[in-house]
Every structure is written in C-alpha cells, then in structure tokens.
N, C-alpha and C. Protein backbone atom coordinates (compact mmCIF):
# COMPACT_ATOMS: atom_id res chain seq x y z
N MET A 1 -19.55 -17.90 -18.40
CA MET A 1 -18.14 -19.01 -18.03
C MET A 1 -16.90 -18.00 -17.84
N ASN A 2 -16.79 -17.16 -19.45
CA ASN A 2 -15.80 -16.15 -19.59
C ASN A 2 -16.19 -15.04 -18.82
N ARG A 3 -17.38 -14.24 -18.27
CA ARG A 3 -17.73 -13.12 -17.25
C ARG A 3 -17.09 -13.99 -15.61
N LYS A 4 -17.01 -15.02 -15.35
CA LYS A 4 -16.52 -15.35 -14.05
C LYS A 4 -15.36 -15.23 -13.96
N ILE A 5 -14.63 -15.32 -15.01
CA ILE A 5 -13.05 -15.00 -15.19
C ILE A 5 -12.70 -13.73 -15.32
N LEU A 6 -13.51 -13.03 -16.24
CA LEU A 6 -12.83 -11.63 -16.30
C LEU A 6 -13.32 -10.49 -15.57
N VAL A 7 -14.06 -10.99 -14.57
CA VAL A 7 -14.68 -9.89 -13.88
C VAL A 7 -13.34 -10.31 -12.34
N PRO A 8 -12.83 -11.25 -12.12
CA PRO A 8 -11.69 -11.05 -10.85
C PRO A 8 -10.29 -10.62 -11.81
N VAL A 9 -10.13 -10.95 -12.92
CA VAL A 9 -8.98 -10.73 -13.59
C VAL A 9 -8.71 -9.23 -14.12
N ILE A 10 -9.71 -8.47 -14.28
CA ILE A 10 -10.14 -6.99 -14.59
C ILE A 10 -10.25 -6.28 -13.23
N SER A 11 -10.53 -6.76 -12.25
CA SER A 11 -10.56 -6.17 -10.58
C SER A 11 -8.80 -6.39 -10.48
N ILE A 12 -8.31 -7.46 -10.42
CA ILE A 12 -6.81 -7.66 -9.63
C ILE A 12 -5.87 -6.39 -10.82
N LEU A 13 -6.01 -6.67 -12.22
CA LEU A 13 -5.51 -5.38 -13.01
C LEU A 13 -5.85 -3.77 -12.48
N ILE A 14 -6.99 -3.82 -11.74
CA ILE A 14 -7.28 -2.69 -11.34
C ILE A 14 -6.48 -2.17 -10.37
N VAL A 15 -6.48 -2.98 -9.16
CA VAL A 15 -6.01 -2.64 -7.90
C VAL A 15 -4.41 -3.28 -8.02
N PHE A 16 -4.07 -3.38 -8.92
CA PHE A 16 -2.38 -3.54 -8.89
C PHE A 16 -2.34 -1.77 -9.80
N LEU A 17 -2.91 -1.42 -10.68
CA LEU A 17 -2.73 -0.13 -11.41
C LEU A 17 -2.80 1.13 -10.10
N ILE A 18 -3.99 1.01 -9.16
CA ILE A 18 -3.90 1.47 -7.91
C ILE A 18 -2.96 1.28 -7.16
N ALA A 19 -2.48 0.46 -6.94
CA ALA A 19 -1.07 0.04 -6.28
C ALA A 19 0.11 0.91 -6.52
N GLN A 20 0.20 1.37 -7.72
CA GLN A 20 0.81 2.16 -8.42
C GLN A 20 1.31 3.67 -8.10
N PHE A 21 0.08 4.11 -7.25
CA PHE A 21 0.02 5.35 -7.57
C PHE A 21 0.34 5.88 -5.97
N PRO A 22 0.71 7.08 -5.59
CA PRO A 22 1.28 7.44 -4.41
C PRO A 22 0.21 8.00 -3.61
N ILE A 23 -0.92 6.65 -3.14
CA ILE A 23 -1.73 7.01 -2.24
C ILE A 23 -1.63 6.45 -0.83
N PHE A 24 -0.55 5.92 -0.75
CA PHE A 24 -0.50 4.96 0.55
C PHE A 24 0.17 5.76 1.66
N PRO A 25 -0.36 5.68 2.92
CA PRO A 25 1.21 6.28 4.40
C PRO A 25 1.95 5.72 4.38
N LEU A 26 3.04 6.25 4.53
CA LEU A 26 4.60 5.87 5.04
C LEU A 26 4.69 6.63 6.26
N LEU A 27 5.38 6.07 7.14
CA LEU A 27 6.24 6.75 8.19
C LEU A 27 7.64 7.24 7.86
N VAL A 28 8.43 8.31 7.32
CA VAL A 28 9.52 8.43 7.25
C VAL A 28 10.51 8.88 8.30
N GLU A 29 11.31 8.24 8.89
CA GLU A 29 11.97 8.57 9.42
C GLU A 29 13.51 9.05 9.08
N THR A 30 14.07 10.27 9.51
CA THR A 30 15.56 10.41 9.06
C THR A 30 16.32 11.13 10.34
N ARG A 31 17.28 10.50 10.34
CA ARG A 31 18.14 10.91 11.33
C ARG A 31 19.47 11.79 10.60
N GLU A 32 19.20 12.79 11.92
CA GLU A 32 20.93 14.05 11.44
C GLU A 32 21.44 13.68 12.57
N ILE A 33 22.32 13.84 11.79
CA ILE A 33 23.87 13.65 13.29
C ILE A 33 24.82 15.01 13.25
N LEU A 34 24.73 15.68 14.49
CA LEU A 34 24.91 16.98 14.71
C LEU A 34 26.19 16.83 15.78
N ASP A 35 26.87 18.05 15.66
CA ASP A 35 27.89 18.07 16.91
C ASP A 35 27.53 18.06 18.51
N ASP A 36 26.33 18.40 18.45
CA ASP A 36 25.54 18.57 19.87
C ASP A 36 25.03 16.82 19.61
N GLY A 37 24.61 16.35 18.56
CA GLY A 37 23.97 14.86 19.29
C GLY A 37 23.17 14.45 17.99
N GLU A 38 22.52 13.53 17.99
CA GLU A 38 21.28 12.86 16.92
C GLU A 38 20.38 13.14 16.77
N ASN A 39 19.31 13.75 16.09
CA ASN A 39 18.41 14.00 16.04
C ASN A 39 17.52 13.25 14.98
N LEU A 40 16.11 12.87 15.78
CA LEU A 40 15.44 11.80 14.71
C LEU A 40 14.17 12.87 14.32
N TYR A 41 13.82 12.62 12.95
CA TYR A 41 12.75 13.05 12.56
C TYR A 41 12.03 12.12 11.73
N GLN A 42 10.77 12.29 12.18
CA GLN A 42 9.33 11.42 11.53
C GLN A 42 8.27 12.52 10.82
N MET A 43 7.91 11.62 9.87
CA MET A 43 7.04 12.82 9.03
C MET A 43 6.25 11.85 7.99
N TRP A 44 5.06 11.79 7.56
CA TRP A 44 4.43 11.18 6.68
C TRP A 44 4.30 11.44 5.58
N ARG A 45 4.19 10.72 4.58
CA ARG A 45 3.82 11.02 3.31
C ARG A 45 3.38 9.77 2.86
N PHE A 46 3.02 10.21 1.31
CA PHE A 46 2.29 9.00 0.88
C PHE A 46 3.38 8.47 -0.53
N THR A 47 3.22 7.20 -0.75
CA THR A 47 4.12 6.59 -1.74
C THR A 47 2.78 5.33 -2.09
N SER A 48 3.71 4.84 -3.23
CA SER A 48 2.87 3.74 -3.99
C SER A 48 3.37 2.35 -3.31
N MET A 49 2.88 1.43 -3.71
CA MET A 49 3.17 -0.22 -2.72
C MET A 49 4.66 -0.50 -3.00
N PRO A 50 5.11 -0.16 -4.11
CA PRO A 50 6.56 -1.08 -4.91
C PRO A 50 7.33 0.50 -3.79
N GLU A 51 7.16 1.30 -3.61
CA GLU A 51 7.99 2.20 -2.74
C GLU A 51 7.84 1.78 -1.34
N PHE A 52 6.63 1.57 -0.97
CA PHE A 52 6.44 1.30 0.42
C PHE A 52 7.27 0.29 0.93
N TYR A 53 7.47 -0.80 -0.30
CA TYR A 53 7.90 -2.25 -0.21
C TYR A 53 9.77 -2.35 0.36
N ASP A 54 9.81 -1.39 -0.49
CA ASP A 54 11.60 -0.55 -0.68
C ASP A 54 12.19 -0.31 0.86
N ALA A 55 11.03 0.68 1.36
CA ALA A 55 11.28 1.50 2.49
C ALA A 55 11.10 0.50 3.85
N ALA A 56 10.40 -0.43 3.51
CA ALA A 56 10.26 -1.42 4.48
C ALA A 56 11.23 -2.46 4.92
N ASP A 57 11.64 -2.47 3.76
CA ASP A 57 12.88 -3.76 3.51
C ASP A 57 14.29 -2.57 4.14
N TYR A 58 14.41 -1.51 3.75
CA TYR A 58 15.20 -0.98 4.23
C TYR A 58 15.00 -0.21 6.00
N ALA A 59 13.69 -0.27 6.17
CA ALA A 59 13.65 -0.25 8.00
C ALA A 59 14.02 -1.21 8.65
N ARG A 60 13.25 -2.52 8.18
CA ARG A 60 13.55 -4.23 8.85
C ARG A 60 15.28 -4.26 8.98
N LEU A 61 16.12 -3.74 7.91
CA LEU A 61 17.14 -3.78 8.21
C LEU A 61 18.04 -3.01 8.85
N GLY A 62 17.75 -1.28 8.75
CA GLY A 62 18.27 -0.71 9.63
C GLY A 62 18.21 0.55 10.96
N TRP A 63 16.82 -0.36 10.92
CA TRP A 63 16.26 1.09 12.05
C TRP A 63 15.67 -0.08 13.21
N LEU A 64 15.25 1.05 13.78
CA LEU A 64 14.79 0.11 15.23
C LEU A 64 13.59 -0.62 15.11
N ASP A 65 13.23 -1.44 16.16
CA ASP A 65 12.18 -2.43 15.99
C ASP A 65 10.95 -1.59 15.86
N THR A 66 10.92 -0.68 16.59
CA THR A 66 9.56 0.16 16.80
C THR A 66 9.29 0.67 15.60
N THR A 67 9.68 1.02 14.78
CA THR A 67 9.91 1.55 13.30
C THR A 67 9.29 0.37 12.35
N TRP A 68 10.02 -0.93 12.55
CA TRP A 68 9.83 -1.67 11.82
C TRP A 68 8.24 -2.31 12.38
N SER A 69 7.06 -2.04 13.73
CA SER A 69 6.37 -2.28 13.90
C SER A 69 5.76 -1.59 13.61
N ASN A 70 5.81 -0.52 13.24
CA ASN A 70 5.08 1.10 12.76
C ASN A 70 4.61 0.50 11.24
N TYR A 71 5.73 -0.26 10.54
CA TYR A 71 5.52 -0.52 8.75
C TYR A 71 4.74 -1.62 8.87
N LEU A 72 4.94 -2.42 9.93
CA LEU A 72 4.05 -4.01 9.98
C LEU A 72 2.34 -3.22 9.83
N ILE A 73 2.13 -2.33 10.58
CA ILE A 73 0.93 -1.49 11.15
C ILE A 73 0.33 -1.21 9.32
N LEU A 74 1.37 -0.81 9.43
CA LEU A 74 0.93 0.47 8.03
C LEU A 74 0.41 -0.79 6.54
N PHE A 75 1.47 -1.78 6.72
CA PHE A 75 1.56 -2.79 5.59
C PHE A 75 0.13 -3.34 5.47
N LEU A 76 -0.64 -3.97 6.89
CA LEU A 76 -1.79 -4.20 7.01
C LEU A 76 -2.50 -3.28 6.67
N LEU A 77 -2.71 -1.97 7.16
CA LEU A 77 -3.87 -1.30 6.68
C LEU A 77 -3.53 -0.75 5.12
N ASN A 78 -2.75 -0.87 4.78
CA ASN A 78 -2.55 -0.76 3.14
C ASN A 78 -3.19 -1.86 2.39
N HIS A 79 -3.17 -3.23 2.69
CA HIS A 79 -3.53 -4.18 2.44
C HIS A 79 -4.72 -4.79 2.56
N ILE A 80 -5.19 -3.97 3.82
CA ILE A 80 -6.73 -4.22 3.77
C ILE A 80 -7.36 -3.46 2.90
N GLY A 81 -6.82 -2.08 3.14
CA GLY A 81 -7.58 -1.44 1.75
C GLY A 81 -7.23 -1.39 0.55
N LEU A 82 -6.63 -2.04 0.15
CA LEU A 82 -6.36 -3.03 -1.11
C LEU A 82 -7.20 -3.82 -2.07
N ILE A 83 -7.49 -4.91 -0.39
CA ILE A 83 -8.45 -6.10 -0.70
C ILE A 83 -10.29 -5.50 -0.67
N LEU A 84 -10.14 -4.04 0.30
CA LEU A 84 -11.33 -3.25 -0.04
C LEU A 84 -11.91 -2.75 -1.33
N ILE A 85 -10.66 -2.54 -1.79
CA ILE A 85 -10.77 -1.95 -3.78
C ILE A 85 -10.64 -3.09 -4.44
N PHE A 86 -10.19 -4.07 -4.20
CA PHE A 86 -10.68 -5.42 -5.24
C PHE A 86 -12.41 -5.72 -5.11
N PHE A 87 -12.78 -5.93 -3.58
CA PHE A 87 -14.02 -6.48 -3.80
C PHE A 87 -15.07 -5.18 -4.10
N THR A 88 -14.75 -4.47 -4.17
CA THR A 88 -15.66 -3.05 -4.56
C THR A 88 -15.94 -2.90 -6.07
N VAL A 89 -14.42 -2.96 -6.53
CA VAL A 89 -14.17 -2.97 -8.30
C VAL A 89 -15.37 -4.61 -8.74
N ARG A 90 -14.87 -5.56 -7.97
CA ARG A 90 -15.45 -6.48 -8.61
C ARG A 90 -16.94 -6.72 -8.28
N ASN A 91 -17.59 -5.83 -7.25
CA ASN A 91 -18.84 -5.61 -7.10
C ASN A 91 -19.73 -4.87 -8.32
N ILE A 92 -18.94 -3.53 -8.62
CA ILE A 92 -18.98 -2.70 -9.69
C ILE A 92 -19.17 -3.32 -10.86
N LEU A 93 -18.07 -4.12 -11.28
CA LEU A 93 -18.22 -4.59 -12.63
C LEU A 93 -19.18 -6.13 -12.42
N ARG A 94 -20.01 -6.78 -12.00
CA ARG A 94 -20.48 -7.73 -11.58
C ARG A 94 -21.99 -7.02 -11.93
N ARG A 95 -21.94 -6.14 -11.11
CA ARG A 95 -23.40 -5.37 -11.45
C ARG A 95 -23.45 -4.23 -12.98
N PHE A 96 -22.50 -3.90 -13.25
CA PHE A 96 -22.46 -3.39 -15.04
C PHE A 96 -22.83 -4.16 -15.25
N LEU A 97 -22.11 -5.55 -15.66
CA LEU A 97 -22.32 -6.62 -16.70
C LEU A 97 -23.84 -7.13 -16.59
N GLU A 98 -24.13 -7.40 -15.13
CA GLU A 98 -25.22 -7.98 -15.23
C GLU A 98 -26.60 -7.01 -15.90
N LYS A 99 -26.61 -5.97 -15.72
CA LYS A 99 -27.24 -4.95 -16.45
C LYS A 99 -27.05 -4.66 -17.83
N ASN A 100 -26.10 -4.82 -18.23
CA ASN A 100 -25.86 -5.12 -20.20
C ASN A 100 -26.38 -6.54 -20.46
N ARG A 101 -26.55 -6.88 -19.79
CA ARG A 101 -27.06 -8.35 -20.28
C ARG A 101 -28.37 -8.86 -20.78
C-alpha cells in the first residue's frame, strides 16, 4: 500500500523539481521604439515554468493576440512534456521497486 502512494508522490516531486530548471522554450518579444518607427524582435530562450507563467501573463495582458496564441501552444507543449516526464519517472520507480522486492 505504501508503494502505491510513494511512487506517485515521488514522481510529482521530481516533476516539480524539473519544472524549476530553465529547460522550457519561451518566445520572447521585445519592442524598440525609435525616431524612425517601431521594431519588434522575437527570440527563443529557455526558462523555468514559473518564469514561463509570468511571461505568459504579461503577454496576455500587453501583447498581440498572435503572441498569446504562441504562448498557449508553448504552454501545451511544455505541459505535455511534464506529463511524459511524470509517467516516465513513475515507470522507472515502479520497475526499481519491483526489482528490490
């Protein structure tokens, strides 16, 4: 019984810790206003999930709808990756605990 609870809890903790590393893609847009006009720069960088959420909130409130759509797509991809990591870690822990029985 303890192993049935222990494996998901440890898997969630590992996923939470992985989410703190800057490994998730983020599209950063910067605007530069000059005398000649306005320039918009886009570049990719890697952030942690908390930084991603902050950037997505900022994009939702202050940027174009296309930027918000890009953030939603990245949100889905990042979370699918975290879900896959969860199941991978869970399977590894189950196999490890079964071998040590």
